[in-house]
Amino acid sequence: MNLLNAFELIQRGGIVMYPLLLCSILALAVMIERAYALRRAAADHEALMVKLRNRLLEGDLNGAIETCRATPGPVARVLEGGLNASHLSLSAIERRMEELALAETPELHKRLVWLDTIITVSPLLGLLGTVIGMVSSFQIIGSTGASHPTAITAGVAEALIATATGLSIAIVTLVGYNALTDRVRAIISNIELGATQLLNLLADLKEKDHPAERMGDIEGMGERRS
């Protein structure tokens, strides 16, 4: 379909085709931008954890922090926050990473609500175009009877074009929205997994450095529970 045919289709679809065109452009722009942003955010979590483990086992805390800073994405930023708080207790480190993870989550969902809105609005706009087209056809029938079948079918075509366009936009946007949402869930899962792995690694290192202190903490926890 060339540009002339597309423009003719928009004209034949009626006035609702213009907001539908805006919805399609906006949905495409958001899906491209979010796909690029989430691709950058989904850094190689496993490779990052291997580097951090090697650095920490060598006692190079600053090197581990620099590794996080050199890695893009929310996983690295959350882990960097945990490493910066590594001098604190394990519970304080955990709270710090939870706070950072909560701060990163809205950024991952940014603008996805626009896609959700377009998925809902587009079929409704198509339905509105259907109503307008059918009303136009009935008006022609009421004023001229069935003596102008071409004019009647033009109204029916307007209704069908608007409906098909609204459904098409909603279907394509729904596929993109689900794919992006699944990517967001995967990144959030990596954040949680990375934070847990780092916390366990720091716990092992603290236990090796201060075994008696660690044993005292465990015994104290047991006494409080009893």
C-alpha atoms as a PDB file:
ATOM      1  CA  MET A   1       0.000   0.000   0.000  1.00  0.00           C
ATOM      2  CA  ASN A   2       1.494   3.342  -1.097  1.00  0.00           C
ATOM      3  CA  LEU A   3       1.017   6.694   0.590  1.00  0.00           C
ATOM      4  CA  LEU A   4      -1.819   7.709  -1.739  1.00  0.00           C
ATOM      5  CA  ASN A   5      -3.786   4.566  -0.952  1.00  0.00           C
ATOM      6  CA  ALA A   6      -3.146   5.008   2.757  1.00  0.00           C
ATOM      7  CA  PHE A   7      -4.334   8.628   2.619  1.00  0.00           C
ATOM      8  CA  GLU A   8      -7.432   7.556   0.680  1.00  0.00           C
ATOM      9  CA  LEU A   9      -8.123   4.860   3.267  1.00  0.00           C
ATOM     10  CA  ILE A  10      -7.883   7.422   6.061  1.00  0.00           C
ATOM     11  CA  GLN A  11     -10.326   9.693   4.237  1.00  0.00           C
ATOM     12  CA  ARG A  12     -12.779   6.884   3.611  1.00  0.00           C
ATOM     13  CA  GLY A  13     -12.627   5.788   7.248  1.00  0.00           C
ATOM     14  CA  GLY A  14     -14.042   9.047   8.512  1.00  0.00           C
ATOM     15  CA  ILE A  15     -13.012  11.513  11.163  1.00  0.00           C
ATOM     16  CA  VAL A  16     -12.069   8.880  13.782  1.00  0.00           C
ATOM     17  CA  MET A  17      -9.213   7.737  11.545  1.00  0.00           C
ATOM     18  CA  TYR A  18      -7.192  10.761  12.602  1.00  0.00           C
ATOM     19  CA  PRO A  19      -7.118   9.920  16.334  1.00  0.00           C
ATOM     20  CA  LEU A  20      -6.514   6.310  15.345  1.00  0.00           C
ATOM     21  CA  LEU A  21      -3.543   7.435  13.246  1.00  0.00           C
ATOM     22  CA  LEU A  22      -2.231   9.351  16.256  1.00  0.00           C
ATOM     23  CA  CYS A  23      -2.654   6.248  18.432  1.00  0.00           C
ATOM     24  CA  SER A  24      -0.709   4.110  15.960  1.00  0.00           C
ATOM     25  CA  ILE A  25       2.183   6.602  15.754  1.00  0.00           C
ATOM     26  CA  LEU A  26       2.311   6.983  19.534  1.00  0.00           C
ATOM     27  CA  ALA A  27       2.190   3.208  20.114  1.00  0.00           C
ATOM     28  CA  LEU A  28       4.982   2.598  17.614  1.00  0.00           C
ATOM     29  CA  ALA A  29       7.159   5.327  19.122  1.00  0.00           C
ATOM     30  CA  VAL A  30       6.675   4.051  22.675  1.00  0.00           C
ATOM     31  CA  MET A  31       7.356   0.420  21.714  1.00  0.00           C
ATOM     32  CA  ILE A  32      10.590   1.352  19.929  1.00  0.00           C
ATOM     33  CA  GLU A  33      11.783   3.576  22.774  1.00  0.00           C
ATOM     34  CA  ARG A  34      10.911   1.035  25.481  1.00  0.00           C
ATOM     35  CA  ALA A  35      12.466  -1.854  23.565  1.00  0.00           C
ATOM     36  CA  TYR A  36      15.723   0.083  23.274  1.00  0.00           C
ATOM     37  CA  ALA A  37      15.664   1.202  26.928  1.00  0.00           C
ATOM     38  CA  LEU A  38      14.875  -2.264  28.271  1.00  0.00           C
ATOM     39  CA  ARG A  39      17.523  -3.824  26.061  1.00  0.00           C
ATOM     40  CA  ARG A  40      20.094  -1.547  27.690  1.00  0.00           C
ATOM     41  CA  ALA A  41      18.667  -2.293  31.127  1.00  0.00           C
ATOM     42  CA  ALA A  42      18.880  -6.069  30.624  1.00  0.00           C
ATOM     43  CA  ALA A  43      22.643  -6.387  31.105  1.00  0.00           C
ATOM     44  CA  ASP A  44      24.234  -9.815  31.418  1.00  0.00           C
ATOM     45  CA  HIS A  45      23.413 -10.565  35.043  1.00  0.00           C
ATOM     46  CA  GLU A  46      25.357 -13.822  35.249  1.00  0.00           C
ATOM     47  CA  ALA A  47      28.550 -12.308  33.824  1.00  0.00           C
ATOM     48  CA  LEU A  48      28.279  -9.398  36.265  1.00  0.00           C
ATOM     49  CA  MET A  49      27.907 -11.725  39.248  1.00  0.00           C
ATOM     50  CA  VAL A  50      30.958 -13.735  38.177  1.00  0.00           C
ATOM     51  CA  LYS A  51      33.038 -10.555  38.020  1.00  0.00           C
ATOM     52  CA  LEU A  52      31.772  -9.362  41.397  1.00  0.00           C
ATOM     53  CA  ARG A  53      32.423 -12.715  43.026  1.00  0.00           C
ATOM     54  CA  ASN A  54      35.998 -12.776  41.728  1.00  0.00           C
ATOM     55  CA  ARG A  55      36.634  -9.212  42.882  1.00  0.00           C
ATOM     56  CA  LEU A  56      35.212  -9.780  46.340  1.00  0.00           C
ATOM     57  CA  LEU A  57      37.029 -13.062  46.851  1.00  0.00           C
ATOM     58  CA  GLU A  58      40.227 -11.166  46.036  1.00  0.00           C
ATOM     59  CA  GLY A  59      39.275  -8.563  48.635  1.00  0.00           C
ATOM     60  CA  ASP A  60      38.932  -5.856  45.997  1.00  0.00           C
ATOM     61  CA  LEU A  61      35.761  -4.069  47.110  1.00  0.00           C
ATOM     62  CA  ASN A  62      36.565  -0.906  45.153  1.00  0.00           C
ATOM     63  CA  GLY A  63      37.102  -2.984  42.031  1.00  0.00           C
ATOM     64  CA  ALA A  64      33.704  -4.623  42.515  1.00  0.00           C
ATOM     65  CA  ILE A  65      32.057  -1.212  42.871  1.00  0.00           C
ATOM     66  CA  GLU A  66      33.796   0.057  39.723  1.00  0.00           C
ATOM     67  CA  THR A  67      32.603  -3.038  37.869  1.00  0.00           C
ATOM     68  CA  CYS A  68      29.012  -2.173  38.797  1.00  0.00           C
ATOM     69  CA  ARG A  69      29.493   1.437  37.723  1.00  0.00           C
ATOM     70  CA  ALA A  70      30.851   0.309  34.365  1.00  0.00           C
ATOM     71  CA  THR A  71      27.824  -1.939  33.778  1.00  0.00           C
ATOM     72  CA  PRO A  72      24.602  -0.283  32.592  1.00  0.00           C
ATOM     73  CA  GLY A  73      21.206  -1.240  33.932  1.00  0.00           C
ATOM     74  CA  PRO A  74      19.259  -1.373  37.202  1.00  0.00           C
ATOM     75  CA  VAL A  75      20.775  -4.677  38.331  1.00  0.00           C
ATOM     76  CA  ALA A  76      24.247  -3.151  38.498  1.00  0.00           C
ATOM     77  CA  ARG A  77      22.964  -0.006  40.237  1.00  0.00           C
ATOM     78  CA  VAL A  78      21.192  -2.018  42.937  1.00  0.00           C
ATOM     79  CA  LEU A  79      24.260  -4.195  43.510  1.00  0.00           C
ATOM     80  CA  GLU A  80      26.474  -1.124  43.645  1.00  0.00           C
ATOM     81  CA  GLY A  81      24.259   0.247  46.419  1.00  0.00           C
ATOM     82  CA  GLY A  82      24.646  -3.015  48.329  1.00  0.00           C
ATOM     83  CA  LEU A  83      28.432  -2.937  47.940  1.00  0.00           C
ATOM     84  CA  ASN A  84      28.605   0.675  49.124  1.00  0.00           C
ATOM     85  CA  ALA A  85      26.763  -0.431  52.264  1.00  0.00           C
ATOM     86  CA  SER A  86      28.888  -3.561  52.762  1.00  0.00           C
ATOM     87  CA  HIS A  87      30.388  -2.142  55.979  1.00  0.00           C
ATOM     88  CA  LEU A  88      26.926  -2.299  57.566  1.00  0.00           C
ATOM     89  CA  SER A  89      25.040  -5.311  58.871  1.00  0.00           C
ATOM     90  CA  LEU A  90      23.497  -7.784  56.457  1.00  0.00           C
ATOM     91  CA  SER A  91      19.975  -6.609  57.302  1.00  0.00           C
ATOM     92  CA  ALA A  92      20.988  -3.002  56.557  1.00  0.00           C
ATOM     93  CA  ILE A  93      22.509  -4.057  53.229  1.00  0.00           C
ATOM     94  CA  GLU A  94      19.344  -5.921  52.343  1.00  0.00           C
ATOM     95  CA  ARG A  95      17.147  -2.917  53.176  1.00  0.00           C
ATOM     96  CA  ARG A  96      19.387  -0.659  51.114  1.00  0.00           C
ATOM     97  CA  MET A  97      19.101  -2.894  48.041  1.00  0.00           C
ATOM     98  CA  GLU A  98      15.338  -3.246  48.506  1.00  0.00           C
ATOM     99  CA  GLU A  99      15.044   0.537  48.572  1.00  0.00           C
ATOM    100  CA  LEU A 100      17.067   0.892  45.378  1.00  0.00           C
ATOM    101  CA  ALA A 101      15.086  -1.875  43.669  1.00  0.00           C
ATOM    102  CA  LEU A 102      11.818  -0.120  44.503  1.00  0.00           C
ATOM    103  CA  ALA A 103      13.232   3.096  43.055  1.00  0.00           C
ATOM    104  CA  GLU A 104      14.228   1.340  39.811  1.00  0.00           C
ATOM    105  CA  THR A 105      10.872  -0.380  39.215  1.00  0.00           C
ATOM    106  CA  PRO A 106       8.863   2.696  38.090  1.00  0.00           C
ATOM    107  CA  GLU A 107      11.561   3.533  35.545  1.00  0.00           C
ATOM    108  CA  LEU A 108      11.183   0.077  34.002  1.00  0.00           C
ATOM    109  CA  HIS A 109       7.407   0.516  33.668  1.00  0.00           C
ATOM    110  CA  LYS A 110       7.777   4.042  32.292  1.00  0.00           C
ATOM    111  CA  ARG A 111       5.313   4.856  29.476  1.00  0.00           C
ATOM    112  CA  LEU A 112       3.932   1.304  29.330  1.00  0.00           C
ATOM    113  CA  VAL A 113       0.647   2.687  30.630  1.00  0.00           C
ATOM    114  CA  TRP A 114       0.369   4.589  27.337  1.00  0.00           C
ATOM    115  CA  LEU A 115       0.323   1.296  25.469  1.00  0.00           C
ATOM    116  CA  ASP A 116      -2.276  -0.085  27.849  1.00  0.00           C
ATOM    117  CA  THR A 117      -4.440   2.969  27.200  1.00  0.00           C
ATOM    118  CA  ILE A 118      -4.078   2.668  23.415  1.00  0.00           C
ATOM    119  CA  ILE A 119      -5.062  -1.016  23.587  1.00  0.00           C
ATOM    120  CA  THR A 120      -8.320   0.019  25.256  1.00  0.00           C
ATOM    121  CA  VAL A 121      -9.035   3.221  23.348  1.00  0.00           C
ATOM    122  CA  SER A 122      -8.341   2.046  19.773  1.00  0.00           C
ATOM    123  CA  PRO A 123     -11.208  -0.492  19.526  1.00  0.00           C
ATOM    124  CA  LEU A 124     -13.538   2.060  21.135  1.00  0.00           C
ATOM    125  CA  LEU A 125     -12.568   4.640  18.526  1.00  0.00           C
ATOM    126  CA  GLY A 126     -13.156   2.015  15.837  1.00  0.00           C
ATOM    127  CA  LEU A 127     -16.585   1.311  17.332  1.00  0.00           C
ATOM    128  CA  LEU A 128     -17.313   5.034  17.315  1.00  0.00           C
ATOM    129  CA  GLY A 129     -16.367   5.141  13.644  1.00  0.00           C
ATOM    130  CA  THR A 130     -18.750   2.233  13.042  1.00  0.00           C
ATOM    131  CA  VAL A 131     -21.602   4.095  14.689  1.00  0.00           C
ATOM    132  CA  ILE A 132     -20.859   7.275  12.731  1.00  0.00           C
ATOM    133  CA  GLY A 133     -20.686   5.369   9.445  1.00  0.00           C
ATOM    134  CA  MET A 134     -23.936   3.502  10.080  1.00  0.00           C
ATOM    135  CA  VAL A 135     -25.714   6.692  11.131  1.00  0.00           C
ATOM    136  CA  SER A 136     -24.559   8.287   7.877  1.00  0.00           C
ATOM    137  CA  SER A 137     -25.945   5.344   5.891  1.00  0.00           C
ATOM    138  CA  PHE A 138     -29.306   5.455   7.668  1.00  0.00           C
ATOM    139  CA  GLN A 139     -29.553   9.178   7.100  1.00  0.00           C
ATOM    140  CA  ILE A 140     -29.058   8.640   3.375  1.00  0.00           C
ATOM    141  CA  ILE A 141     -31.662   5.878   3.360  1.00  0.00           C
ATOM    142  CA  GLY A 142     -34.063   8.089   5.278  1.00  0.00           C
ATOM    143  CA  SER A 143     -33.706  11.016   2.908  1.00  0.00           C
ATOM    144  CA  THR A 144     -33.404   9.284  -0.479  1.00  0.00           C
ATOM    145  CA  GLY A 145     -34.576   5.757   0.139  1.00  0.00           C
ATOM    146  CA  ALA A 146     -32.581   3.025  -1.553  1.00  0.00           C
ATOM    147  CA  SER A 147     -32.109   4.963  -4.783  1.00  0.00           C
ATOM    148  CA  HIS A 148     -28.437   5.780  -4.011  1.00  0.00           C
ATOM    149  CA  PRO A 149     -26.789   2.462  -3.112  1.00  0.00           C
ATOM    150  CA  THR A 150     -23.307   3.875  -3.690  1.00  0.00           C
ATOM    151  CA  ALA A 151     -23.777   6.487  -0.993  1.00  0.00           C
ATOM    152  CA  ILE A 152     -25.147   3.861   1.379  1.00  0.00           C
ATOM    153  CA  THR A 153     -22.227   1.512   0.848  1.00  0.00           C
ATOM    154  CA  ALA A 154     -19.820   4.420   1.417  1.00  0.00           C
ATOM    155  CA  GLY A 155     -21.185   4.774   4.935  1.00  0.00           C
ATOM    156  CA  VAL A 156     -20.902   1.037   5.534  1.00  0.00           C
ATOM    157  CA  ALA A 157     -17.319   1.078   4.222  1.00  0.00           C
ATOM    158  CA  GLU A 158     -16.521   3.943   6.589  1.00  0.00           C
ATOM    159  CA  ALA A 159     -17.816   1.861   9.491  1.00  0.00           C
ATOM    160  CA  LEU A 160     -15.859  -1.248   8.521  1.00  0.00           C
ATOM    161  CA  ILE A 161     -12.597   0.621   7.841  1.00  0.00           C
ATOM    162  CA  ALA A 162     -12.682   2.381  11.219  1.00  0.00           C
ATOM    163  CA  THR A 163     -13.468  -0.853  13.057  1.00  0.00           C
ATOM    164  CA  ALA A 164     -10.745  -2.828  11.302  1.00  0.00           C
ATOM    165  CA  THR A 165      -8.192  -0.066  11.901  1.00  0.00           C
ATOM    166  CA  GLY A 166      -9.004   0.203  15.600  1.00  0.00           C
ATOM    167  CA  LEU A 167      -8.776  -3.556  16.098  1.00  0.00           C
ATOM    168  CA  SER A 168      -5.525  -3.795  14.131  1.00  0.00           C
ATOM    169  CA  ILE A 169      -3.869  -1.090  16.217  1.00  0.00           C
ATOM    170  CA  ALA A 170      -5.055  -2.719  19.440  1.00  0.00           C
ATOM    171  CA  ILE A 171      -3.827  -6.181  18.398  1.00  0.00           C
ATOM    172  CA  VAL A 172      -0.353  -5.019  17.368  1.00  0.00           C
ATOM    173  CA  THR A 173      -0.003  -2.837  20.462  1.00  0.00           C
ATOM    174  CA  LEU A 174      -1.131  -5.700  22.717  1.00  0.00           C
ATOM    175  CA  VAL A 175       1.577  -7.973  21.333  1.00  0.00           C
ATOM    176  CA  GLY A 176       4.224  -5.306  21.881  1.00  0.00           C
ATOM    177  CA  TYR A 177       2.907  -4.473  25.362  1.00  0.00           C
ATOM    178  CA  ASN A 178       3.011  -8.112  26.464  1.00  0.00           C
ATOM    179  CA  ALA A 179       6.541  -8.549  25.124  1.00  0.00           C
ATOM    180  CA  LEU A 180       7.764  -5.415  26.909  1.00  0.00           C
ATOM    181  CA  THR A 181       5.988  -6.350  30.136  1.00  0.00           C
ATOM    182  CA  ASP A 182       7.608  -9.784  30.051  1.00  0.00           C
ATOM    183  CA  ARG A 183      11.001  -8.099  29.595  1.00  0.00           C
ATOM    184  CA  VAL A 184      10.323  -5.877  32.616  1.00  0.00           C
ATOM    185  CA  ARG A 185       9.414  -8.908  34.743  1.00  0.00           C
ATOM    186  CA  ALA A 186      12.638 -10.625  33.700  1.00  0.00           C
ATOM    187  CA  ILE A 187      14.725  -7.583  34.687  1.00  0.00           C
ATOM    188  CA  ILE A 188      12.986  -7.300  38.060  1.00  0.00           C
ATOM    189  CA  SER A 189      13.610 -11.015  38.624  1.00  0.00           C
ATOM    190  CA  ASN A 190      17.303 -10.472  37.831  1.00  0.00           C
ATOM    191  CA  ILE A 191      17.435  -7.605  40.326  1.00  0.00           C
ATOM    192  CA  GLU A 192      15.981  -9.808  43.069  1.00  0.00           C
ATOM    193  CA  LEU A 193      18.226 -12.736  42.188  1.00  0.00           C
ATOM    194  CA  GLY A 194      21.346 -10.572  41.993  1.00  0.00           C
ATOM    195  CA  ALA A 195      20.595  -8.909  45.326  1.00  0.00           C
ATOM    196  CA  THR A 196      20.093 -12.300  46.981  1.00  0.00           C
ATOM    197  CA  GLN A 197      23.301 -13.696  45.492  1.00  0.00           C
ATOM    198  CA  LEU A 198      25.307 -10.656  46.587  1.00  0.00           C
ATOM    199  CA  LEU A 199      23.819 -10.786  50.079  1.00  0.00           C
ATOM    200  CA  ASN A 200      24.732 -14.462  50.404  1.00  0.00           C
ATOM    201  CA  LEU A 201      28.250 -13.764  49.136  1.00  0.00           C
ATOM    202  CA  LEU A 202      28.748 -10.922  51.604  1.00  0.00           C
ATOM    203  CA  ALA A 203      27.400 -13.129  54.393  1.00  0.00           C
ATOM    204  CA  ASP A 204      29.949 -15.829  53.547  1.00  0.00           C
ATOM    205  CA  LEU A 205      32.776 -13.283  53.472  1.00  0.00           C
ATOM    206  CA  LYS A 206      31.717 -11.736  56.768  1.00  0.00           C
ATOM    207  CA  GLU A 207      31.545 -15.188  58.334  1.00  0.00           C
ATOM    208  CA  LYS A 208      35.074 -15.991  57.172  1.00  0.00           C
ATOM    209  CA  ASP A 209      36.419 -12.691  58.464  1.00  0.00           C
ATOM    210  CA  HIS A 210      34.562 -12.754  61.813  1.00  0.00           C
ATOM    211  CA  PRO A 211      33.411 -16.303  62.539  1.00  0.00           C
ATOM    212  CA  ALA A 212      32.974 -15.743  66.261  1.00  0.00           C
ATOM    213  CA  GLU A 213      30.958 -12.604  65.751  1.00  0.00           C
ATOM    214  CA  ARG A 214      28.833 -14.373  63.174  1.00  0.00           C
ATOM    215  CA  MET A 215      28.200 -17.273  65.533  1.00  0.00           C
ATOM    216  CA  GLY A 216      27.200 -14.831  68.251  1.00  0.00           C
ATOM    217  CA  ASP A 217      24.687 -13.206  65.915  1.00  0.00           C
ATOM    218  CA  ILE A 218      23.177 -16.581  65.078  1.00  0.00           C
ATOM    219  CA  GLU A 219      22.948 -17.583  68.734  1.00  0.00           C
ATOM    220  CA  GLY A 220      21.381 -14.245  69.589  1.00  0.00           C
ATOM    221  CA  MET A 221      18.773 -14.715  66.884  1.00  0.00           C
ATOM    222  CA  GLY A 222      18.008 -18.164  68.302  1.00  0.00           C
ATOM    223  CA  GLU A 223      17.539 -16.747  71.790  1.00  0.00           C
ATOM    224  CA  ARG A 224      15.190 -14.035  70.549  1.00  0.00           C
ATOM    225  CA  ARG A 225      13.102 -16.561  68.642  1.00  0.00           C
ATOM    226  CA  SER A 226      12.816 -18.799  71.710  1.00  0.00           C
END
